[in-house]
Amino acid sequence: MRVAIPHWEDRISPVFDVALNFLLIDIKGGREIRREQRRLSATDQFARVNEFLSFGAEILICGAISASAETRLAAAGVQVIGFTCGMVDEVLAAYLSNKLVNSAFAMPGCQRWRRREGETVMPRGFGMGAGMGRGGGGGQGRGQGRGPGAERMAGGVAAGPTGSCICPNCGEKTPHTAGQPCLQMLCPKCGTPLMRS
């Protein structure tokens, strides 16, 4: 089994869609047997997903990810464990010991992880495909809806022309530039892609 983790220095990159550096870890019998560094060079999302698939990873542990990228990866058979943050080695150790569900590894704003039928799912509307389902007995089940958060991650809803962008790594705030998504801007202090505050 091969696990891929996009990273910035020793931490998980905050946004998969603009991450450059990937750590690939080969796992056998529940233990790490090999790791290597790879770099994504494509900038177009479709090309990025195809290039990522060439890494041969079956599992992606990442920070924020757009709904469209997650859908393409899932369709290709990649299990996406998104909206995860923390030090790469600590997250990997938690994954190998089945403790990644701990909210300590959830990105800020994603603290309400839920357990359902033995699987971990993200809060509705965060781009991971969870929504109102067609299950019986109360309308719950494995939903395919897309909440407002998913639309924002996919670029369908703008947060408005005012406000600021914040670095999820160091907390640096910069004024938002109208017409330019925060995800396309880099932190002036540490170079991490910014997020809308």
C-alpha atoms as a PDB file:
ATOM      1  CA  MET A   1       0.000   0.000   0.000  1.00  0.00           C
ATOM      2  CA  ARG A   2       1.250   3.477  -0.852  1.00  0.00           C
ATOM      3  CA  VAL A   3       0.231   6.592   1.089  1.00  0.00           C
ATOM      4  CA  ALA A   4       0.795  10.091  -0.293  1.00  0.00           C
ATOM      5  CA  ILE A   5       1.054  13.191   1.901  1.00  0.00           C
ATOM      6  CA  PRO A   6       1.534  16.674   0.422  1.00  0.00           C
ATOM      7  CA  HIS A   7       3.778  18.666   2.721  1.00  0.00           C
ATOM      8  CA  TRP A   8       5.352  22.034   3.363  1.00  0.00           C
ATOM      9  CA  GLU A   9       8.551  21.482   5.318  1.00  0.00           C
ATOM     10  CA  ASP A  10       7.509  18.977   8.016  1.00  0.00           C
ATOM     11  CA  ARG A  11       3.785  19.809   8.074  1.00  0.00           C
ATOM     12  CA  ILE A  12       0.883  18.712   5.885  1.00  0.00           C
ATOM     13  CA  SER A  13       0.293  21.283   3.141  1.00  0.00           C
ATOM     14  CA  PRO A  14      -2.880  23.239   3.896  1.00  0.00           C
ATOM     15  CA  VAL A  15      -4.333  22.922   0.363  1.00  0.00           C
ATOM     16  CA  PHE A  16      -3.921  19.902  -1.934  1.00  0.00           C
ATOM     17  CA  ASP A  17      -4.865  21.869  -5.055  1.00  0.00           C
ATOM     18  CA  VAL A  18      -1.699  24.011  -4.906  1.00  0.00           C
ATOM     19  CA  ALA A  19       0.689  21.659  -3.072  1.00  0.00           C
ATOM     20  CA  LEU A  20       4.017  20.969  -4.760  1.00  0.00           C
ATOM     21  CA  ASN A  21       5.909  18.471  -2.595  1.00  0.00           C
ATOM     22  CA  PHE A  22       4.607  14.978  -1.844  1.00  0.00           C
ATOM     23  CA  LEU A  23       5.941  12.329   0.491  1.00  0.00           C
ATOM     24  CA  LEU A  24       5.173   8.796  -0.725  1.00  0.00           C
ATOM     25  CA  ILE A  25       5.256   6.106   1.950  1.00  0.00           C
ATOM     26  CA  ASP A  26       5.083   2.399   1.161  1.00  0.00           C
ATOM     27  CA  ILE A  27       3.379   0.381   3.897  1.00  0.00           C
ATOM     28  CA  LYS A  28       3.543  -3.383   4.383  1.00  0.00           C
ATOM     29  CA  GLY A  29       2.081  -5.279   7.306  1.00  0.00           C
ATOM     30  CA  GLY A  30       1.117  -2.028   8.999  1.00  0.00           C
ATOM     31  CA  ARG A  31       4.714  -0.729   8.959  1.00  0.00           C
ATOM     32  CA  GLU A  32       6.568   1.766   6.811  1.00  0.00           C
ATOM     33  CA  ILE A  33       9.098   0.068   4.560  1.00  0.00           C
ATOM     34  CA  ARG A  34      10.110   2.908   2.219  1.00  0.00           C
ATOM     35  CA  ARG A  35       9.550   6.587   1.561  1.00  0.00           C
ATOM     36  CA  GLU A  36      10.418   8.922  -1.278  1.00  0.00           C
ATOM     37  CA  GLN A  37       9.888  12.554  -2.232  1.00  0.00           C
ATOM     38  CA  ARG A  38       8.054  13.537  -5.432  1.00  0.00           C
ATOM     39  CA  ARG A  39       7.037  16.907  -6.838  1.00  0.00           C
ATOM     40  CA  LEU A  40       3.961  17.903  -8.835  1.00  0.00           C
ATOM     41  CA  SER A  41       4.791  20.202 -11.734  1.00  0.00           C
ATOM     42  CA  ALA A  42       1.332  20.589 -13.335  1.00  0.00           C
ATOM     43  CA  THR A  43      -0.775  23.653 -12.491  1.00  0.00           C
ATOM     44  CA  ASP A  44      -4.055  22.780 -14.230  1.00  0.00           C
ATOM     45  CA  GLN A  45      -6.253  20.732 -11.894  1.00  0.00           C
ATOM     46  CA  PHE A  46      -6.989  17.951 -14.395  1.00  0.00           C
ATOM     47  CA  ALA A  47      -3.277  17.600 -15.199  1.00  0.00           C
ATOM     48  CA  ARG A  48      -2.395  17.720 -11.484  1.00  0.00           C
ATOM     49  CA  VAL A  49      -4.749  14.847 -10.709  1.00  0.00           C
ATOM     50  CA  ASN A  50      -3.344  12.781 -13.592  1.00  0.00           C
ATOM     51  CA  GLU A  51       0.229  13.487 -12.496  1.00  0.00           C
ATOM     52  CA  PHE A  52      -0.655  12.575  -8.921  1.00  0.00           C
ATOM     53  CA  LEU A  53      -2.163   9.285 -10.113  1.00  0.00           C
ATOM     54  CA  SER A  54       1.182   8.443 -11.746  1.00  0.00           C
ATOM     55  CA  PHE A  55       2.666   8.283  -8.220  1.00  0.00           C
ATOM     56  CA  GLY A  56       0.731   5.043  -7.652  1.00  0.00           C
ATOM     57  CA  ALA A  57      -0.689   6.115  -4.274  1.00  0.00           C
ATOM     58  CA  GLU A  58      -3.819   4.361  -3.038  1.00  0.00           C
ATOM     59  CA  ILE A  59      -4.381   6.723  -0.104  1.00  0.00           C
ATOM     60  CA  LEU A  60      -4.051  10.515   0.039  1.00  0.00           C
ATOM     61  CA  ILE A  61      -3.850  12.238   3.415  1.00  0.00           C
ATOM     62  CA  CYS A  62      -4.130  15.969   2.809  1.00  0.00           C
ATOM     63  CA  GLY A  63      -5.383  19.318   4.041  1.00  0.00           C
ATOM     64  CA  ALA A  64      -8.178  21.137   2.262  1.00  0.00           C
ATOM     65  CA  ILE A  65      -9.098  19.766  -1.159  1.00  0.00           C
ATOM     66  CA  SER A  66     -11.576  21.009  -3.723  1.00  0.00           C
ATOM     67  CA  ALA A  67     -14.648  18.888  -4.312  1.00  0.00           C
ATOM     68  CA  SER A  68     -13.789  18.432  -7.987  1.00  0.00           C
ATOM     69  CA  ALA A  69     -10.245  17.172  -7.260  1.00  0.00           C
ATOM     70  CA  GLU A  70     -11.512  14.828  -4.539  1.00  0.00           C
ATOM     71  CA  THR A  71     -14.187  13.454  -6.865  1.00  0.00           C
ATOM     72  CA  ARG A  72     -11.668  12.759  -9.636  1.00  0.00           C
ATOM     73  CA  LEU A  73      -9.267  11.046  -7.251  1.00  0.00           C
ATOM     74  CA  ALA A  74     -12.026   8.944  -5.688  1.00  0.00           C
ATOM     75  CA  ALA A  75     -13.246   7.918  -9.156  1.00  0.00           C
ATOM     76  CA  ALA A  76      -9.716   6.659  -9.875  1.00  0.00           C
ATOM     77  CA  GLY A  77      -9.767   4.538  -6.722  1.00  0.00           C
ATOM     78  CA  VAL A  78      -7.767   6.800  -4.386  1.00  0.00           C
ATOM     79  CA  GLN A  79      -9.049   6.980  -0.808  1.00  0.00           C
ATOM     80  CA  VAL A  80      -8.935  10.651   0.204  1.00  0.00           C
ATOM     81  CA  ILE A  81      -8.538  11.543   3.872  1.00  0.00           C
ATOM     82  CA  GLY A  82      -8.912  15.299   3.629  1.00  0.00           C
ATOM     83  CA  PHE A  83      -8.938  18.316   5.919  1.00  0.00           C
ATOM     84  CA  THR A  84      -6.103  16.884   8.003  1.00  0.00           C
ATOM     85  CA  CYS A  85      -3.367  19.008   9.566  1.00  0.00           C
ATOM     86  CA  GLY A  86      -0.289  18.485  11.693  1.00  0.00           C
ATOM     87  CA  MET A  87       3.270  17.251  11.511  1.00  0.00           C
ATOM     88  CA  VAL A  88       3.708  14.658   8.757  1.00  0.00           C
ATOM     89  CA  ASP A  89       5.283  11.957  10.940  1.00  0.00           C
ATOM     90  CA  GLU A  90       2.679  12.392  13.707  1.00  0.00           C
ATOM     91  CA  VAL A  91      -0.190  12.177  11.206  1.00  0.00           C
ATOM     92  CA  LEU A  92       1.335   9.101   9.567  1.00  0.00           C
ATOM     93  CA  ALA A  93       1.812   7.413  12.957  1.00  0.00           C
ATOM     94  CA  ALA A  94      -1.812   8.219  13.846  1.00  0.00           C
ATOM     95  CA  TYR A  95      -2.991   6.759  10.528  1.00  0.00           C
ATOM     96  CA  LEU A  96      -1.007   3.549  11.033  1.00  0.00           C
ATOM     97  CA  SER A  97      -2.452   3.133  14.535  1.00  0.00           C
ATOM     98  CA  ASN A  98      -6.037   3.965  13.448  1.00  0.00           C
ATOM     99  CA  LYS A  99      -6.050   7.153  15.532  1.00  0.00           C
ATOM    100  CA  LEU A 100      -6.319   9.701  12.727  1.00  0.00           C
ATOM    101  CA  VAL A 101      -9.984  10.270  13.666  1.00  0.00           C
ATOM    102  CA  ASN A 102      -8.712  12.299  16.631  1.00  0.00           C
ATOM    103  CA  SER A 103      -9.944  15.893  16.243  1.00  0.00           C
ATOM    104  CA  ALA A 104      -6.400  17.087  17.049  1.00  0.00           C
ATOM    105  CA  PHE A 105      -5.599  16.337  13.394  1.00  0.00           C
ATOM    106  CA  ALA A 106      -8.642  18.145  11.945  1.00  0.00           C
ATOM    107  CA  MET A 107      -8.029  21.460  10.193  1.00  0.00           C
ATOM    108  CA  PRO A 108      -9.352  24.527  12.063  1.00  0.00           C
ATOM    109  CA  GLY A 109     -13.076  24.804  11.441  1.00  0.00           C
ATOM    110  CA  CYS A 110     -13.376  21.050  10.825  1.00  0.00           C
ATOM    111  CA  GLN A 111     -13.436  19.932  14.451  1.00  0.00           C
ATOM    112  CA  ARG A 112     -16.831  18.198  14.281  1.00  0.00           C
ATOM    113  CA  TRP A 113     -15.741  14.936  12.682  1.00  0.00           C
ATOM    114  CA  ARG A 114     -18.463  12.305  12.831  1.00  0.00           C
ATOM    115  CA  ARG A 115     -18.333   8.535  12.942  1.00  0.00           C
ATOM    116  CA  ARG A 116     -20.930   6.667  10.929  1.00  0.00           C
ATOM    117  CA  GLU A 117     -21.005   2.944  10.266  1.00  0.00           C
ATOM    118  CA  GLY A 118     -17.348   2.618  11.261  1.00  0.00           C
ATOM    119  CA  GLU A 119     -16.051   5.273   8.871  1.00  0.00           C
ATOM    120  CA  THR A 120     -14.915   8.803   9.476  1.00  0.00           C
ATOM    121  CA  VAL A 121     -16.667  11.503   7.482  1.00  0.00           C
ATOM    122  CA  MET A 122     -16.138  15.229   7.359  1.00  0.00           C
ATOM    123  CA  PRO A 123     -18.800  17.762   8.331  1.00  0.00           C
ATOM    124  CA  ARG A 124     -21.328  18.358   5.556  1.00  0.00           C
ATOM    125  CA  GLY A 125     -20.374  21.049   3.075  1.00  0.00           C
ATOM    126  CA  PHE A 126     -16.568  20.831   3.312  1.00  0.00           C
ATOM    127  CA  GLY A 127     -16.025  19.417  -0.160  1.00  0.00           C
ATOM    128  CA  MET A 128     -15.753  15.745   0.710  1.00  0.00           C
ATOM    129  CA  GLY A 129     -19.094  14.724  -0.821  1.00  0.00           C
ATOM    130  CA  ALA A 130     -21.105  14.296   2.382  1.00  0.00           C
ATOM    131  CA  GLY A 131     -24.661  15.555   2.208  1.00  0.00           C
ATOM    132  CA  MET A 132     -28.282  14.550   2.712  1.00  0.00           C
ATOM    133  CA  GLY A 133     -28.595  10.932   1.677  1.00  0.00           C
ATOM    134  CA  ARG A 134     -31.317   8.568   0.554  1.00  0.00           C
ATOM    135  CA  GLY A 135     -30.972   6.119   3.436  1.00  0.00           C
ATOM    136  CA  GLY A 136     -34.045   4.710   5.111  1.00  0.00           C
ATOM    137  CA  GLY A 137     -35.410   5.500   8.535  1.00  0.00           C
ATOM    138  CA  GLY A 138     -35.101   9.255   8.920  1.00  0.00           C
ATOM    139  CA  GLY A 139     -33.441  10.237   5.675  1.00  0.00           C
ATOM    140  CA  GLN A 140     -29.883   9.607   6.774  1.00  0.00           C
ATOM    141  CA  GLY A 141     -27.348   7.641   4.801  1.00  0.00           C
ATOM    142  CA  ARG A 142     -24.362   8.024   2.563  1.00  0.00           C
ATOM    143  CA  GLY A 143     -25.220  11.315   0.937  1.00  0.00           C
ATOM    144  CA  GLN A 144     -23.968  12.739  -2.305  1.00  0.00           C
ATOM    145  CA  GLY A 145     -24.925  16.356  -1.687  1.00  0.00           C
ATOM    146  CA  ARG A 146     -22.634  19.358  -1.846  1.00  0.00           C
ATOM    147  CA  GLY A 147     -23.022  21.991   0.822  1.00  0.00           C
ATOM    148  CA  PRO A 148     -21.983  25.653   0.620  1.00  0.00           C
ATOM    149  CA  GLY A 149     -18.456  24.829   1.750  1.00  0.00           C
ATOM    150  CA  ALA A 150     -18.010  22.450  -1.155  1.00  0.00           C
ATOM    151  CA  GLU A 151     -19.164  25.108  -3.597  1.00  0.00           C
ATOM    152  CA  ARG A 152     -16.696  27.577  -2.188  1.00  0.00           C
ATOM    153  CA  MET A 153     -13.841  25.081  -2.454  1.00  0.00           C
ATOM    154  CA  ALA A 154     -14.840  24.351  -6.046  1.00  0.00           C
ATOM    155  CA  GLY A 155     -14.881  28.035  -6.882  1.00  0.00           C
ATOM    156  CA  GLY A 156     -18.654  28.323  -7.246  1.00  0.00           C
ATOM    157  CA  VAL A 157     -19.277  30.889  -4.497  1.00  0.00           C
ATOM    158  CA  ALA A 158     -17.080  33.877  -3.799  1.00  0.00           C
ATOM    159  CA  ALA A 159     -16.687  35.110  -0.231  1.00  0.00           C
ATOM    160  CA  GLY A 160     -16.992  38.732  -1.324  1.00  0.00           C
ATOM    161  CA  PRO A 161     -14.586  41.533  -2.221  1.00  0.00           C
ATOM    162  CA  THR A 162     -13.655  42.568   1.328  1.00  0.00           C
ATOM    163  CA  GLY A 163     -11.968  40.840   4.230  1.00  0.00           C
ATOM    164  CA  SER A 164      -8.588  39.225   4.527  1.00  0.00           C
ATOM    165  CA  CYS A 165      -6.612  36.116   3.696  1.00  0.00           C
ATOM    166  CA  ILE A 166      -4.868  34.198   6.481  1.00  0.00           C
ATOM    167  CA  CYS A 167      -1.971  31.785   6.542  1.00  0.00           C
ATOM    168  CA  PRO A 168      -3.028  28.476   8.148  1.00  0.00           C
ATOM    169  CA  ASN A 169       0.608  27.792   8.993  1.00  0.00           C
ATOM    170  CA  CYS A 170       1.842  30.963  10.748  1.00  0.00           C
ATOM    171  CA  GLY A 171      -1.345  33.040  11.134  1.00  0.00           C
ATOM    172  CA  GLU A 172      -0.147  35.999   9.035  1.00  0.00           C
ATOM    173  CA  LYS A 173      -3.083  38.055   7.685  1.00  0.00           C
ATOM    174  CA  THR A 174      -3.093  40.037   4.455  1.00  0.00           C
ATOM    175  CA  PRO A 175      -5.891  42.092   2.897  1.00  0.00           C
ATOM    176  CA  HIS A 176      -7.958  40.164   0.365  1.00  0.00           C
ATOM    177  CA  THR A 177      -7.534  41.285  -3.249  1.00  0.00           C
ATOM    178  CA  ALA A 178     -10.867  41.363  -5.081  1.00  0.00           C
ATOM    179  CA  GLY A 179     -10.952  38.861  -7.938  1.00  0.00           C
ATOM    180  CA  GLN A 180      -7.976  36.827  -6.701  1.00  0.00           C
ATOM    181  CA  PRO A 181      -8.721  33.695  -4.625  1.00  0.00           C
ATOM    182  CA  CYS A 182      -6.759  33.517  -1.391  1.00  0.00           C
ATOM    183  CA  LEU A 183      -5.696  29.966  -2.338  1.00  0.00           C
ATOM    184  CA  GLN A 184      -3.667  31.431  -5.213  1.00  0.00           C
ATOM    185  CA  MET A 185      -1.722  33.771  -2.910  1.00  0.00           C
ATOM    186  CA  LEU A 186       1.315  32.762  -0.839  1.00  0.00           C
ATOM    187  CA  CYS A 187       2.057  33.905   2.685  1.00  0.00           C
ATOM    188  CA  PRO A 188       4.693  36.672   2.622  1.00  0.00           C
ATOM    189  CA  LYS A 189       6.315  35.187   5.741  1.00  0.00           C
ATOM    190  CA  CYS A 190       6.461  31.435   5.121  1.00  0.00           C
ATOM    191  CA  GLY A 191       5.251  30.853   1.547  1.00  0.00           C
ATOM    192  CA  THR A 192       2.223  28.717   2.494  1.00  0.00           C
ATOM    193  CA  PRO A 193      -0.919  29.107   0.328  1.00  0.00           C
ATOM    194  CA  LEU A 194      -3.382  31.411   2.093  1.00  0.00           C
ATOM    195  CA  MET A 195      -6.986  30.697   3.054  1.00  0.00           C
ATOM    196  CA  ARG A 196      -9.944  33.066   3.353  1.00  0.00           C
ATOM    197  CA  SER A 197     -10.479  34.234   6.935  1.00  0.00           C
END
